[in-house]
Amino acid sequence: GILRYGSNDDQQALLIKAASQGMGH
């Protein structure tokens, strides 16, 4: 889940990782 607010010059970005394991990495 990626939440963003603001222009590309000064942006808030919040990420929640609720994905699968991603194998060995």
PDBML (XML) file of the C-alpha atoms, coordinates in Angstrom:
<?xml version="1.0" encoding="UTF-8" ?>
<PDBx:datablock datablockName="MODEL"
   xmlns:PDBx="http://pdbml.pdb.org/schema/pdbx-v50.xsd"
   xmlns:xsi="http://www.w3.org/2001/XMLSchema-instance"
   xsi:schemaLocation="http://pdbml.pdb.org/schema/pdbx-v50.xsd pdbx-v50.xsd">
   <PDBx:atom_siteCategory>
      <PDBx:atom_site id="1">
         <PDBx:B_iso_or_equiv>0.00</PDBx:B_iso_or_equiv>
         <PDBx:Cartn_x>0.000</PDBx:Cartn_x>
         <PDBx:Cartn_y>0.000</PDBx:Cartn_y>
         <PDBx:Cartn_z>0.000</PDBx:Cartn_z>
         <PDBx:auth_asym_id>A</PDBx:auth_asym_id>
         <PDBx:auth_atom_id>CA</PDBx:auth_atom_id>
         <PDBx:auth_comp_id>GLY</PDBx:auth_comp_id>
         <PDBx:auth_seq_id>1</PDBx:auth_seq_id>
         <PDBx:group_PDB>ATOM</PDBx:group_PDB>
         <PDBx:label_alt_id xsi:nil="true" />
         <PDBx:label_asym_id>A</PDBx:label_asym_id>
         <PDBx:label_atom_id>CA</PDBx:label_atom_id>
         <PDBx:label_comp_id>GLY</PDBx:label_comp_id>
         <PDBx:label_entity_id>1</PDBx:label_entity_id>
         <PDBx:label_seq_id>1</PDBx:label_seq_id>
         <PDBx:occupancy>1.00</PDBx:occupancy>
         <PDBx:pdbx_PDB_model_num>1</PDBx:pdbx_PDB_model_num>
         <PDBx:type_symbol>C</PDBx:type_symbol>
      </PDBx:atom_site>
      <PDBx:atom_site id="2">
         <PDBx:B_iso_or_equiv>0.00</PDBx:B_iso_or_equiv>
         <PDBx:Cartn_x>1.578</PDBx:Cartn_x>
         <PDBx:Cartn_y>3.263</PDBx:Cartn_y>
         <PDBx:Cartn_z>-1.152</PDBx:Cartn_z>
         <PDBx:auth_asym_id>A</PDBx:auth_asym_id>
         <PDBx:auth_atom_id>CA</PDBx:auth_atom_id>
         <PDBx:auth_comp_id>ILE</PDBx:auth_comp_id>
         <PDBx:auth_seq_id>2</PDBx:auth_seq_id>
         <PDBx:group_PDB>ATOM</PDBx:group_PDB>
         <PDBx:label_alt_id xsi:nil="true" />
         <PDBx:label_asym_id>A</PDBx:label_asym_id>
         <PDBx:label_atom_id>CA</PDBx:label_atom_id>
         <PDBx:label_comp_id>ILE</PDBx:label_comp_id>
         <PDBx:label_entity_id>1</PDBx:label_entity_id>
         <PDBx:label_seq_id>2</PDBx:label_seq_id>
         <PDBx:occupancy>1.00</PDBx:occupancy>
         <PDBx:pdbx_PDB_model_num>1</PDBx:pdbx_PDB_model_num>
         <PDBx:type_symbol>C</PDBx:type_symbol>
      </PDBx:atom_site>
      <PDBx:atom_site id="3">
         <PDBx:B_iso_or_equiv>0.00</PDBx:B_iso_or_equiv>
         <PDBx:Cartn_x>0.095</PDBx:Cartn_x>
         <PDBx:Cartn_y>6.580</PDBx:Cartn_y>
         <PDBx:Cartn_z>-0.033</PDBx:Cartn_z>
         <PDBx:auth_asym_id>A</PDBx:auth_asym_id>
         <PDBx:auth_atom_id>CA</PDBx:auth_atom_id>
         <PDBx:auth_comp_id>LEU</PDBx:auth_comp_id>
         <PDBx:auth_seq_id>3</PDBx:auth_seq_id>
         <PDBx:group_PDB>ATOM</PDBx:group_PDB>
         <PDBx:label_alt_id xsi:nil="true" />
         <PDBx:label_asym_id>A</PDBx:label_asym_id>
         <PDBx:label_atom_id>CA</PDBx:label_atom_id>
         <PDBx:label_comp_id>LEU</PDBx:label_comp_id>
         <PDBx:label_entity_id>1</PDBx:label_entity_id>
         <PDBx:label_seq_id>3</PDBx:label_seq_id>
         <PDBx:occupancy>1.00</PDBx:occupancy>
         <PDBx:pdbx_PDB_model_num>1</PDBx:pdbx_PDB_model_num>
         <PDBx:type_symbol>C</PDBx:type_symbol>
      </PDBx:atom_site>
      <PDBx:atom_site id="4">
         <PDBx:B_iso_or_equiv>0.00</PDBx:B_iso_or_equiv>
         <PDBx:Cartn_x>1.410</PDBx:Cartn_x>
         <PDBx:Cartn_y>9.861</PDBx:Cartn_y>
         <PDBx:Cartn_z>-1.484</PDBx:Cartn_z>
         <PDBx:auth_asym_id>A</PDBx:auth_asym_id>
         <PDBx:auth_atom_id>CA</PDBx:auth_atom_id>
         <PDBx:auth_comp_id>ARG</PDBx:auth_comp_id>
         <PDBx:auth_seq_id>4</PDBx:auth_seq_id>
         <PDBx:group_PDB>ATOM</PDBx:group_PDB>
         <PDBx:label_alt_id xsi:nil="true" />
         <PDBx:label_asym_id>A</PDBx:label_asym_id>
         <PDBx:label_atom_id>CA</PDBx:label_atom_id>
         <PDBx:label_comp_id>ARG</PDBx:label_comp_id>
         <PDBx:label_entity_id>1</PDBx:label_entity_id>
         <PDBx:label_seq_id>4</PDBx:label_seq_id>
         <PDBx:occupancy>1.00</PDBx:occupancy>
         <PDBx:pdbx_PDB_model_num>1</PDBx:pdbx_PDB_model_num>
         <PDBx:type_symbol>C</PDBx:type_symbol>
      </PDBx:atom_site>
      <PDBx:atom_site id="5">
         <PDBx:B_iso_or_equiv>0.00</PDBx:B_iso_or_equiv>
         <PDBx:Cartn_x>0.653</PDBx:Cartn_x>
         <PDBx:Cartn_y>13.516</PDBx:Cartn_y>
         <PDBx:Cartn_z>-0.951</PDBx:Cartn_z>
         <PDBx:auth_asym_id>A</PDBx:auth_asym_id>
         <PDBx:auth_atom_id>CA</PDBx:auth_atom_id>
         <PDBx:auth_comp_id>TYR</PDBx:auth_comp_id>
         <PDBx:auth_seq_id>5</PDBx:auth_seq_id>
         <PDBx:group_PDB>ATOM</PDBx:group_PDB>
         <PDBx:label_alt_id xsi:nil="true" />
         <PDBx:label_asym_id>A</PDBx:label_asym_id>
         <PDBx:label_atom_id>CA</PDBx:label_atom_id>
         <PDBx:label_comp_id>TYR</PDBx:label_comp_id>
         <PDBx:label_entity_id>1</PDBx:label_entity_id>
         <PDBx:label_seq_id>5</PDBx:label_seq_id>
         <PDBx:occupancy>1.00</PDBx:occupancy>
         <PDBx:pdbx_PDB_model_num>1</PDBx:pdbx_PDB_model_num>
         <PDBx:type_symbol>C</PDBx:type_symbol>
      </PDBx:atom_site>
      <PDBx:atom_site id="6">
         <PDBx:B_iso_or_equiv>0.00</PDBx:B_iso_or_equiv>
         <PDBx:Cartn_x>2.205</PDBx:Cartn_x>
         <PDBx:Cartn_y>16.598</PDBx:Cartn_y>
         <PDBx:Cartn_z>-2.503</PDBx:Cartn_z>
         <PDBx:auth_asym_id>A</PDBx:auth_asym_id>
         <PDBx:auth_atom_id>CA</PDBx:auth_atom_id>
         <PDBx:auth_comp_id>GLY</PDBx:auth_comp_id>
         <PDBx:auth_seq_id>6</PDBx:auth_seq_id>
         <PDBx:group_PDB>ATOM</PDBx:group_PDB>
         <PDBx:label_alt_id xsi:nil="true" />
         <PDBx:label_asym_id>A</PDBx:label_asym_id>
         <PDBx:label_atom_id>CA</PDBx:label_atom_id>
         <PDBx:label_comp_id>GLY</PDBx:label_comp_id>
         <PDBx:label_entity_id>1</PDBx:label_entity_id>
         <PDBx:label_seq_id>6</PDBx:label_seq_id>
         <PDBx:occupancy>1.00</PDBx:occupancy>
         <PDBx:pdbx_PDB_model_num>1</PDBx:pdbx_PDB_model_num>
         <PDBx:type_symbol>C</PDBx:type_symbol>
      </PDBx:atom_site>
      <PDBx:atom_site id="7">
         <PDBx:B_iso_or_equiv>0.00</PDBx:B_iso_or_equiv>
         <PDBx:Cartn_x>4.196</PDBx:Cartn_x>
         <PDBx:Cartn_y>17.461</PDBx:Cartn_y>
         <PDBx:Cartn_z>-5.597</PDBx:Cartn_z>
         <PDBx:auth_asym_id>A</PDBx:auth_asym_id>
         <PDBx:auth_atom_id>CA</PDBx:auth_atom_id>
         <PDBx:auth_comp_id>SER</PDBx:auth_comp_id>
         <PDBx:auth_seq_id>7</PDBx:auth_seq_id>
         <PDBx:group_PDB>ATOM</PDBx:group_PDB>
         <PDBx:label_alt_id xsi:nil="true" />
         <PDBx:label_asym_id>A</PDBx:label_asym_id>
         <PDBx:label_atom_id>CA</PDBx:label_atom_id>
         <PDBx:label_comp_id>SER</PDBx:label_comp_id>
         <PDBx:label_entity_id>1</PDBx:label_entity_id>
         <PDBx:label_seq_id>7</PDBx:label_seq_id>
         <PDBx:occupancy>1.00</PDBx:occupancy>
         <PDBx:pdbx_PDB_model_num>1</PDBx:pdbx_PDB_model_num>
         <PDBx:type_symbol>C</PDBx:type_symbol>
      </PDBx:atom_site>
      <PDBx:atom_site id="8">
         <PDBx:B_iso_or_equiv>0.00</PDBx:B_iso_or_equiv>
         <PDBx:Cartn_x>7.197</PDBx:Cartn_x>
         <PDBx:Cartn_y>15.522</PDBx:Cartn_y>
         <PDBx:Cartn_z>-6.831</PDBx:Cartn_z>
         <PDBx:auth_asym_id>A</PDBx:auth_asym_id>
         <PDBx:auth_atom_id>CA</PDBx:auth_atom_id>
         <PDBx:auth_comp_id>ASN</PDBx:auth_comp_id>
         <PDBx:auth_seq_id>8</PDBx:auth_seq_id>
         <PDBx:group_PDB>ATOM</PDBx:group_PDB>
         <PDBx:label_alt_id xsi:nil="true" />
         <PDBx:label_asym_id>A</PDBx:label_asym_id>
         <PDBx:label_atom_id>CA</PDBx:label_atom_id>
         <PDBx:label_comp_id>ASN</PDBx:label_comp_id>
         <PDBx:label_entity_id>1</PDBx:label_entity_id>
         <PDBx:label_seq_id>8</PDBx:label_seq_id>
         <PDBx:occupancy>1.00</PDBx:occupancy>
         <PDBx:pdbx_PDB_model_num>1</PDBx:pdbx_PDB_model_num>
         <PDBx:type_symbol>C</PDBx:type_symbol>
      </PDBx:atom_site>
      <PDBx:atom_site id="9">
         <PDBx:B_iso_or_equiv>0.00</PDBx:B_iso_or_equiv>
         <PDBx:Cartn_x>9.397</PDBx:Cartn_x>
         <PDBx:Cartn_y>18.286</PDBx:Cartn_y>
         <PDBx:Cartn_z>-5.380</PDBx:Cartn_z>
         <PDBx:auth_asym_id>A</PDBx:auth_asym_id>
         <PDBx:auth_atom_id>CA</PDBx:auth_atom_id>
         <PDBx:auth_comp_id>ASP</PDBx:auth_comp_id>
         <PDBx:auth_seq_id>9</PDBx:auth_seq_id>
         <PDBx:group_PDB>ATOM</PDBx:group_PDB>
         <PDBx:label_alt_id xsi:nil="true" />
         <PDBx:label_asym_id>A</PDBx:label_asym_id>
         <PDBx:label_atom_id>CA</PDBx:label_atom_id>
         <PDBx:label_comp_id>ASP</PDBx:label_comp_id>
         <PDBx:label_entity_id>1</PDBx:label_entity_id>
         <PDBx:label_seq_id>9</PDBx:label_seq_id>
         <PDBx:occupancy>1.00</PDBx:occupancy>
         <PDBx:pdbx_PDB_model_num>1</PDBx:pdbx_PDB_model_num>
         <PDBx:type_symbol>C</PDBx:type_symbol>
      </PDBx:atom_site>
      <PDBx:atom_site id="10">
         <PDBx:B_iso_or_equiv>0.00</PDBx:B_iso_or_equiv>
         <PDBx:Cartn_x>8.217</PDBx:Cartn_x>
         <PDBx:Cartn_y>17.766</PDBx:Cartn_y>
         <PDBx:Cartn_z>-1.784</PDBx:Cartn_z>
         <PDBx:auth_asym_id>A</PDBx:auth_asym_id>
         <PDBx:auth_atom_id>CA</PDBx:auth_atom_id>
         <PDBx:auth_comp_id>ASP</PDBx:auth_comp_id>
         <PDBx:auth_seq_id>10</PDBx:auth_seq_id>
         <PDBx:group_PDB>ATOM</PDBx:group_PDB>
         <PDBx:label_alt_id xsi:nil="true" />
         <PDBx:label_asym_id>A</PDBx:label_asym_id>
         <PDBx:label_atom_id>CA</PDBx:label_atom_id>
         <PDBx:label_comp_id>ASP</PDBx:label_comp_id>
         <PDBx:label_entity_id>1</PDBx:label_entity_id>
         <PDBx:label_seq_id>10</PDBx:label_seq_id>
         <PDBx:occupancy>1.00</PDBx:occupancy>
         <PDBx:pdbx_PDB_model_num>1</PDBx:pdbx_PDB_model_num>
         <PDBx:type_symbol>C</PDBx:type_symbol>
      </PDBx:atom_site>
      <PDBx:atom_site id="11">
         <PDBx:B_iso_or_equiv>0.00</PDBx:B_iso_or_equiv>
         <PDBx:Cartn_x>6.166</PDBx:Cartn_x>
         <PDBx:Cartn_y>14.643</PDBx:Cartn_y>
         <PDBx:Cartn_z>-1.385</PDBx:Cartn_z>
         <PDBx:auth_asym_id>A</PDBx:auth_asym_id>
         <PDBx:auth_atom_id>CA</PDBx:auth_atom_id>
         <PDBx:auth_comp_id>GLN</PDBx:auth_comp_id>
         <PDBx:auth_seq_id>11</PDBx:auth_seq_id>
         <PDBx:group_PDB>ATOM</PDBx:group_PDB>
         <PDBx:label_alt_id xsi:nil="true" />
         <PDBx:label_asym_id>A</PDBx:label_asym_id>
         <PDBx:label_atom_id>CA</PDBx:label_atom_id>
         <PDBx:label_comp_id>GLN</PDBx:label_comp_id>
         <PDBx:label_entity_id>1</PDBx:label_entity_id>
         <PDBx:label_seq_id>11</PDBx:label_seq_id>
         <PDBx:occupancy>1.00</PDBx:occupancy>
         <PDBx:pdbx_PDB_model_num>1</PDBx:pdbx_PDB_model_num>
         <PDBx:type_symbol>C</PDBx:type_symbol>
      </PDBx:atom_site>
      <PDBx:atom_site id="12">
         <PDBx:B_iso_or_equiv>0.00</PDBx:B_iso_or_equiv>
         <PDBx:Cartn_x>5.035</PDBx:Cartn_x>
         <PDBx:Cartn_y>12.615</PDBx:Cartn_y>
         <PDBx:Cartn_z>1.577</PDBx:Cartn_z>
         <PDBx:auth_asym_id>A</PDBx:auth_asym_id>
         <PDBx:auth_atom_id>CA</PDBx:auth_atom_id>
         <PDBx:auth_comp_id>GLN</PDBx:auth_comp_id>
         <PDBx:auth_seq_id>12</PDBx:auth_seq_id>
         <PDBx:group_PDB>ATOM</PDBx:group_PDB>
         <PDBx:label_alt_id xsi:nil="true" />
         <PDBx:label_asym_id>A</PDBx:label_asym_id>
         <PDBx:label_atom_id>CA</PDBx:label_atom_id>
         <PDBx:label_comp_id>GLN</PDBx:label_comp_id>
         <PDBx:label_entity_id>1</PDBx:label_entity_id>
         <PDBx:label_seq_id>12</PDBx:label_seq_id>
         <PDBx:occupancy>1.00</PDBx:occupancy>
         <PDBx:pdbx_PDB_model_num>1</PDBx:pdbx_PDB_model_num>
         <PDBx:type_symbol>C</PDBx:type_symbol>
      </PDBx:atom_site>
      <PDBx:atom_site id="13">
         <PDBx:B_iso_or_equiv>0.00</PDBx:B_iso_or_equiv>
         <PDBx:Cartn_x>5.139</PDBx:Cartn_x>
         <PDBx:Cartn_y>8.894</PDBx:Cartn_y>
         <PDBx:Cartn_z>0.816</PDBx:Cartn_z>
         <PDBx:auth_asym_id>A</PDBx:auth_asym_id>
         <PDBx:auth_atom_id>CA</PDBx:auth_atom_id>
         <PDBx:auth_comp_id>ALA</PDBx:auth_comp_id>
         <PDBx:auth_seq_id>13</PDBx:auth_seq_id>
         <PDBx:group_PDB>ATOM</PDBx:group_PDB>
         <PDBx:label_alt_id xsi:nil="true" />
         <PDBx:label_asym_id>A</PDBx:label_asym_id>
         <PDBx:label_atom_id>CA</PDBx:label_atom_id>
         <PDBx:label_comp_id>ALA</PDBx:label_comp_id>
         <PDBx:label_entity_id>1</PDBx:label_entity_id>
         <PDBx:label_seq_id>13</PDBx:label_seq_id>
         <PDBx:occupancy>1.00</PDBx:occupancy>
         <PDBx:pdbx_PDB_model_num>1</PDBx:pdbx_PDB_model_num>
         <PDBx:type_symbol>C</PDBx:type_symbol>
      </PDBx:atom_site>
      <PDBx:atom_site id="14">
         <PDBx:B_iso_or_equiv>0.00</PDBx:B_iso_or_equiv>
         <PDBx:Cartn_x>3.945</PDBx:Cartn_x>
         <PDBx:Cartn_y>6.210</PDBx:Cartn_y>
         <PDBx:Cartn_z>3.203</PDBx:Cartn_z>
         <PDBx:auth_asym_id>A</PDBx:auth_asym_id>
         <PDBx:auth_atom_id>CA</PDBx:auth_atom_id>
         <PDBx:auth_comp_id>LEU</PDBx:auth_comp_id>
         <PDBx:auth_seq_id>14</PDBx:auth_seq_id>
         <PDBx:group_PDB>ATOM</PDBx:group_PDB>
         <PDBx:label_alt_id xsi:nil="true" />
         <PDBx:label_asym_id>A</PDBx:label_asym_id>
         <PDBx:label_atom_id>CA</PDBx:label_atom_id>
         <PDBx:label_comp_id>LEU</PDBx:label_comp_id>
         <PDBx:label_entity_id>1</PDBx:label_entity_id>
         <PDBx:label_seq_id>14</PDBx:label_seq_id>
         <PDBx:occupancy>1.00</PDBx:occupancy>
         <PDBx:pdbx_PDB_model_num>1</PDBx:pdbx_PDB_model_num>
         <PDBx:type_symbol>C</PDBx:type_symbol>
      </PDBx:atom_site>
      <PDBx:atom_site id="15">
         <PDBx:B_iso_or_equiv>0.00</PDBx:B_iso_or_equiv>
         <PDBx:Cartn_x>4.387</PDBx:Cartn_x>
         <PDBx:Cartn_y>2.524</PDBx:Cartn_y>
         <PDBx:Cartn_z>2.369</PDBx:Cartn_z>
         <PDBx:auth_asym_id>A</PDBx:auth_asym_id>
         <PDBx:auth_atom_id>CA</PDBx:auth_atom_id>
         <PDBx:auth_comp_id>LEU</PDBx:auth_comp_id>
         <PDBx:auth_seq_id>15</PDBx:auth_seq_id>
         <PDBx:group_PDB>ATOM</PDBx:group_PDB>
         <PDBx:label_alt_id xsi:nil="true" />
         <PDBx:label_asym_id>A</PDBx:label_asym_id>
         <PDBx:label_atom_id>CA</PDBx:label_atom_id>
         <PDBx:label_comp_id>LEU</PDBx:label_comp_id>
         <PDBx:label_entity_id>1</PDBx:label_entity_id>
         <PDBx:label_seq_id>15</PDBx:label_seq_id>
         <PDBx:occupancy>1.00</PDBx:occupancy>
         <PDBx:pdbx_PDB_model_num>1</PDBx:pdbx_PDB_model_num>
         <PDBx:type_symbol>C</PDBx:type_symbol>
      </PDBx:atom_site>
      <PDBx:atom_site id="16">
         <PDBx:B_iso_or_equiv>0.00</PDBx:B_iso_or_equiv>
         <PDBx:Cartn_x>2.922</PDBx:Cartn_x>
         <PDBx:Cartn_y>-0.476</PDBx:Cartn_y>
         <PDBx:Cartn_z>4.179</PDBx:Cartn_z>
         <PDBx:auth_asym_id>A</PDBx:auth_asym_id>
         <PDBx:auth_atom_id>CA</PDBx:auth_atom_id>
         <PDBx:auth_comp_id>ILE</PDBx:auth_comp_id>
         <PDBx:auth_seq_id>16</PDBx:auth_seq_id>
         <PDBx:group_PDB>ATOM</PDBx:group_PDB>
         <PDBx:label_alt_id xsi:nil="true" />
         <PDBx:label_asym_id>A</PDBx:label_asym_id>
         <PDBx:label_atom_id>CA</PDBx:label_atom_id>
         <PDBx:label_comp_id>ILE</PDBx:label_comp_id>
         <PDBx:label_entity_id>1</PDBx:label_entity_id>
         <PDBx:label_seq_id>16</PDBx:label_seq_id>
         <PDBx:occupancy>1.00</PDBx:occupancy>
         <PDBx:pdbx_PDB_model_num>1</PDBx:pdbx_PDB_model_num>
         <PDBx:type_symbol>C</PDBx:type_symbol>
      </PDBx:atom_site>
      <PDBx:atom_site id="17">
         <PDBx:B_iso_or_equiv>0.00</PDBx:B_iso_or_equiv>
         <PDBx:Cartn_x>4.397</PDBx:Cartn_x>
         <PDBx:Cartn_y>-3.841</PDBx:Cartn_y>
         <PDBx:Cartn_z>3.238</PDBx:Cartn_z>
         <PDBx:auth_asym_id>A</PDBx:auth_asym_id>
         <PDBx:auth_atom_id>CA</PDBx:auth_atom_id>
         <PDBx:auth_comp_id>LYS</PDBx:auth_comp_id>
         <PDBx:auth_seq_id>17</PDBx:auth_seq_id>
         <PDBx:group_PDB>ATOM</PDBx:group_PDB>
         <PDBx:label_alt_id xsi:nil="true" />
         <PDBx:label_asym_id>A</PDBx:label_asym_id>
         <PDBx:label_atom_id>CA</PDBx:label_atom_id>
         <PDBx:label_comp_id>LYS</PDBx:label_comp_id>
         <PDBx:label_entity_id>1</PDBx:label_entity_id>
         <PDBx:label_seq_id>17</PDBx:label_seq_id>
         <PDBx:occupancy>1.00</PDBx:occupancy>
         <PDBx:pdbx_PDB_model_num>1</PDBx:pdbx_PDB_model_num>
         <PDBx:type_symbol>C</PDBx:type_symbol>
      </PDBx:atom_site>
      <PDBx:atom_site id="18">
         <PDBx:B_iso_or_equiv>0.00</PDBx:B_iso_or_equiv>
         <PDBx:Cartn_x>1.702</PDBx:Cartn_x>
         <PDBx:Cartn_y>-6.491</PDBx:Cartn_y>
         <PDBx:Cartn_z>3.374</PDBx:Cartn_z>
         <PDBx:auth_asym_id>A</PDBx:auth_asym_id>
         <PDBx:auth_atom_id>CA</PDBx:auth_atom_id>
         <PDBx:auth_comp_id>ALA</PDBx:auth_comp_id>
         <PDBx:auth_seq_id>18</PDBx:auth_seq_id>
         <PDBx:group_PDB>ATOM</PDBx:group_PDB>
         <PDBx:label_alt_id xsi:nil="true" />
         <PDBx:label_asym_id>A</PDBx:label_asym_id>
         <PDBx:label_atom_id>CA</PDBx:label_atom_id>
         <PDBx:label_comp_id>ALA</PDBx:label_comp_id>
         <PDBx:label_entity_id>1</PDBx:label_entity_id>
         <PDBx:label_seq_id>18</PDBx:label_seq_id>
         <PDBx:occupancy>1.00</PDBx:occupancy>
         <PDBx:pdbx_PDB_model_num>1</PDBx:pdbx_PDB_model_num>
         <PDBx:type_symbol>C</PDBx:type_symbol>
      </PDBx:atom_site>
      <PDBx:atom_site id="19">
         <PDBx:B_iso_or_equiv>0.00</PDBx:B_iso_or_equiv>
         <PDBx:Cartn_x>3.113</PDBx:Cartn_x>
         <PDBx:Cartn_y>-8.658</PDBx:Cartn_y>
         <PDBx:Cartn_z>0.598</PDBx:Cartn_z>
         <PDBx:auth_asym_id>A</PDBx:auth_asym_id>
         <PDBx:auth_atom_id>CA</PDBx:auth_atom_id>
         <PDBx:auth_comp_id>ALA</PDBx:auth_comp_id>
         <PDBx:auth_seq_id>19</PDBx:auth_seq_id>
         <PDBx:group_PDB>ATOM</PDBx:group_PDB>
         <PDBx:label_alt_id xsi:nil="true" />
         <PDBx:label_asym_id>A</PDBx:label_asym_id>
         <PDBx:label_atom_id>CA</PDBx:label_atom_id>
         <PDBx:label_comp_id>ALA</PDBx:label_comp_id>
         <PDBx:label_entity_id>1</PDBx:label_entity_id>
         <PDBx:label_seq_id>19</PDBx:label_seq_id>
         <PDBx:occupancy>1.00</PDBx:occupancy>
         <PDBx:pdbx_PDB_model_num>1</PDBx:pdbx_PDB_model_num>
         <PDBx:type_symbol>C</PDBx:type_symbol>
      </PDBx:atom_site>
      <PDBx:atom_site id="20">
         <PDBx:B_iso_or_equiv>0.00</PDBx:B_iso_or_equiv>
         <PDBx:Cartn_x>4.225</PDBx:Cartn_x>
         <PDBx:Cartn_y>-12.285</PDBx:Cartn_y>
         <PDBx:Cartn_z>0.464</PDBx:Cartn_z>
         <PDBx:auth_asym_id>A</PDBx:auth_asym_id>
         <PDBx:auth_atom_id>CA</PDBx:auth_atom_id>
         <PDBx:auth_comp_id>SER</PDBx:auth_comp_id>
         <PDBx:auth_seq_id>20</PDBx:auth_seq_id>
         <PDBx:group_PDB>ATOM</PDBx:group_PDB>
         <PDBx:label_alt_id xsi:nil="true" />
         <PDBx:label_asym_id>A</PDBx:label_asym_id>
         <PDBx:label_atom_id>CA</PDBx:label_atom_id>
         <PDBx:label_comp_id>SER</PDBx:label_comp_id>
         <PDBx:label_entity_id>1</PDBx:label_entity_id>
         <PDBx:label_seq_id>20</PDBx:label_seq_id>
         <PDBx:occupancy>1.00</PDBx:occupancy>
         <PDBx:pdbx_PDB_model_num>1</PDBx:pdbx_PDB_model_num>
         <PDBx:type_symbol>C</PDBx:type_symbol>
      </PDBx:atom_site>
      <PDBx:atom_site id="21">
         <PDBx:B_iso_or_equiv>0.00</PDBx:B_iso_or_equiv>
         <PDBx:Cartn_x>7.629</PDBx:Cartn_x>
         <PDBx:Cartn_y>-13.406</PDBx:Cartn_y>
         <PDBx:Cartn_z>1.707</PDBx:Cartn_z>
         <PDBx:auth_asym_id>A</PDBx:auth_asym_id>
         <PDBx:auth_atom_id>CA</PDBx:auth_atom_id>
         <PDBx:auth_comp_id>GLN</PDBx:auth_comp_id>
         <PDBx:auth_seq_id>21</PDBx:auth_seq_id>
         <PDBx:group_PDB>ATOM</PDBx:group_PDB>
         <PDBx:label_alt_id xsi:nil="true" />
         <PDBx:label_asym_id>A</PDBx:label_asym_id>
         <PDBx:label_atom_id>CA</PDBx:label_atom_id>
         <PDBx:label_comp_id>GLN</PDBx:label_comp_id>
         <PDBx:label_entity_id>1</PDBx:label_entity_id>
         <PDBx:label_seq_id>21</PDBx:label_seq_id>
         <PDBx:occupancy>1.00</PDBx:occupancy>
         <PDBx:pdbx_PDB_model_num>1</PDBx:pdbx_PDB_model_num>
         <PDBx:type_symbol>C</PDBx:type_symbol>
      </PDBx:atom_site>
      <PDBx:atom_site id="22">
         <PDBx:B_iso_or_equiv>0.00</PDBx:B_iso_or_equiv>
         <PDBx:Cartn_x>9.478</PDBx:Cartn_x>
         <PDBx:Cartn_y>-12.729</PDBx:Cartn_y>
         <PDBx:Cartn_z>-1.564</PDBx:Cartn_z>
         <PDBx:auth_asym_id>A</PDBx:auth_asym_id>
         <PDBx:auth_atom_id>CA</PDBx:auth_atom_id>
         <PDBx:auth_comp_id>GLY</PDBx:auth_comp_id>
         <PDBx:auth_seq_id>22</PDBx:auth_seq_id>
         <PDBx:group_PDB>ATOM</PDBx:group_PDB>
         <PDBx:label_alt_id xsi:nil="true" />
         <PDBx:label_asym_id>A</PDBx:label_asym_id>
         <PDBx:label_atom_id>CA</PDBx:label_atom_id>
         <PDBx:label_comp_id>GLY</PDBx:label_comp_id>
         <PDBx:label_entity_id>1</PDBx:label_entity_id>
         <PDBx:label_seq_id>22</PDBx:label_seq_id>
         <PDBx:occupancy>1.00</PDBx:occupancy>
         <PDBx:pdbx_PDB_model_num>1</PDBx:pdbx_PDB_model_num>
         <PDBx:type_symbol>C</PDBx:type_symbol>
      </PDBx:atom_site>
      <PDBx:atom_site id="23">
         <PDBx:B_iso_or_equiv>0.00</PDBx:B_iso_or_equiv>
         <PDBx:Cartn_x>11.254</PDBx:Cartn_x>
         <PDBx:Cartn_y>-16.113</PDBx:Cartn_y>
         <PDBx:Cartn_z>-1.709</PDBx:Cartn_z>
         <PDBx:auth_asym_id>A</PDBx:auth_asym_id>
         <PDBx:auth_atom_id>CA</PDBx:auth_atom_id>
         <PDBx:auth_comp_id>MET</PDBx:auth_comp_id>
         <PDBx:auth_seq_id>23</PDBx:auth_seq_id>
         <PDBx:group_PDB>ATOM</PDBx:group_PDB>
         <PDBx:label_alt_id xsi:nil="true" />
         <PDBx:label_asym_id>A</PDBx:label_asym_id>
         <PDBx:label_atom_id>CA</PDBx:label_atom_id>
         <PDBx:label_comp_id>MET</PDBx:label_comp_id>
         <PDBx:label_entity_id>1</PDBx:label_entity_id>
         <PDBx:label_seq_id>23</PDBx:label_seq_id>
         <PDBx:occupancy>1.00</PDBx:occupancy>
         <PDBx:pdbx_PDB_model_num>1</PDBx:pdbx_PDB_model_num>
         <PDBx:type_symbol>C</PDBx:type_symbol>
      </PDBx:atom_site>
      <PDBx:atom_site id="24">
         <PDBx:B_iso_or_equiv>0.00</PDBx:B_iso_or_equiv>
         <PDBx:Cartn_x>14.868</PDBx:Cartn_x>
         <PDBx:Cartn_y>-16.298</PDBx:Cartn_y>
         <PDBx:Cartn_z>-0.520</PDBx:Cartn_z>
         <PDBx:auth_asym_id>A</PDBx:auth_asym_id>
         <PDBx:auth_atom_id>CA</PDBx:auth_atom_id>
         <PDBx:auth_comp_id>GLY</PDBx:auth_comp_id>
         <PDBx:auth_seq_id>24</PDBx:auth_seq_id>
         <PDBx:group_PDB>ATOM</PDBx:group_PDB>
         <PDBx:label_alt_id xsi:nil="true" />
         <PDBx:label_asym_id>A</PDBx:label_asym_id>
         <PDBx:label_atom_id>CA</PDBx:label_atom_id>
         <PDBx:label_comp_id>GLY</PDBx:label_comp_id>
         <PDBx:label_entity_id>1</PDBx:label_entity_id>
         <PDBx:label_seq_id>24</PDBx:label_seq_id>
         <PDBx:occupancy>1.00</PDBx:occupancy>
         <PDBx:pdbx_PDB_model_num>1</PDBx:pdbx_PDB_model_num>
         <PDBx:type_symbol>C</PDBx:type_symbol>
      </PDBx:atom_site>
      <PDBx:atom_site id="25">
         <PDBx:B_iso_or_equiv>0.00</PDBx:B_iso_or_equiv>
         <PDBx:Cartn_x>15.412</PDBx:Cartn_x>
         <PDBx:Cartn_y>-12.552</PDBx:Cartn_y>
         <PDBx:Cartn_z>-0.693</PDBx:Cartn_z>
         <PDBx:auth_asym_id>A</PDBx:auth_asym_id>
         <PDBx:auth_atom_id>CA</PDBx:auth_atom_id>
         <PDBx:auth_comp_id>HIS</PDBx:auth_comp_id>
         <PDBx:auth_seq_id>25</PDBx:auth_seq_id>
         <PDBx:group_PDB>ATOM</PDBx:group_PDB>
         <PDBx:label_alt_id xsi:nil="true" />
         <PDBx:label_asym_id>A</PDBx:label_asym_id>
         <PDBx:label_atom_id>CA</PDBx:label_atom_id>
         <PDBx:label_comp_id>HIS</PDBx:label_comp_id>
         <PDBx:label_entity_id>1</PDBx:label_entity_id>
         <PDBx:label_seq_id>25</PDBx:label_seq_id>
         <PDBx:occupancy>1.00</PDBx:occupancy>
         <PDBx:pdbx_PDB_model_num>1</PDBx:pdbx_PDB_model_num>
         <PDBx:type_symbol>C</PDBx:type_symbol>
      </PDBx:atom_site>
   </PDBx:atom_siteCategory>
</PDBx:datablock>
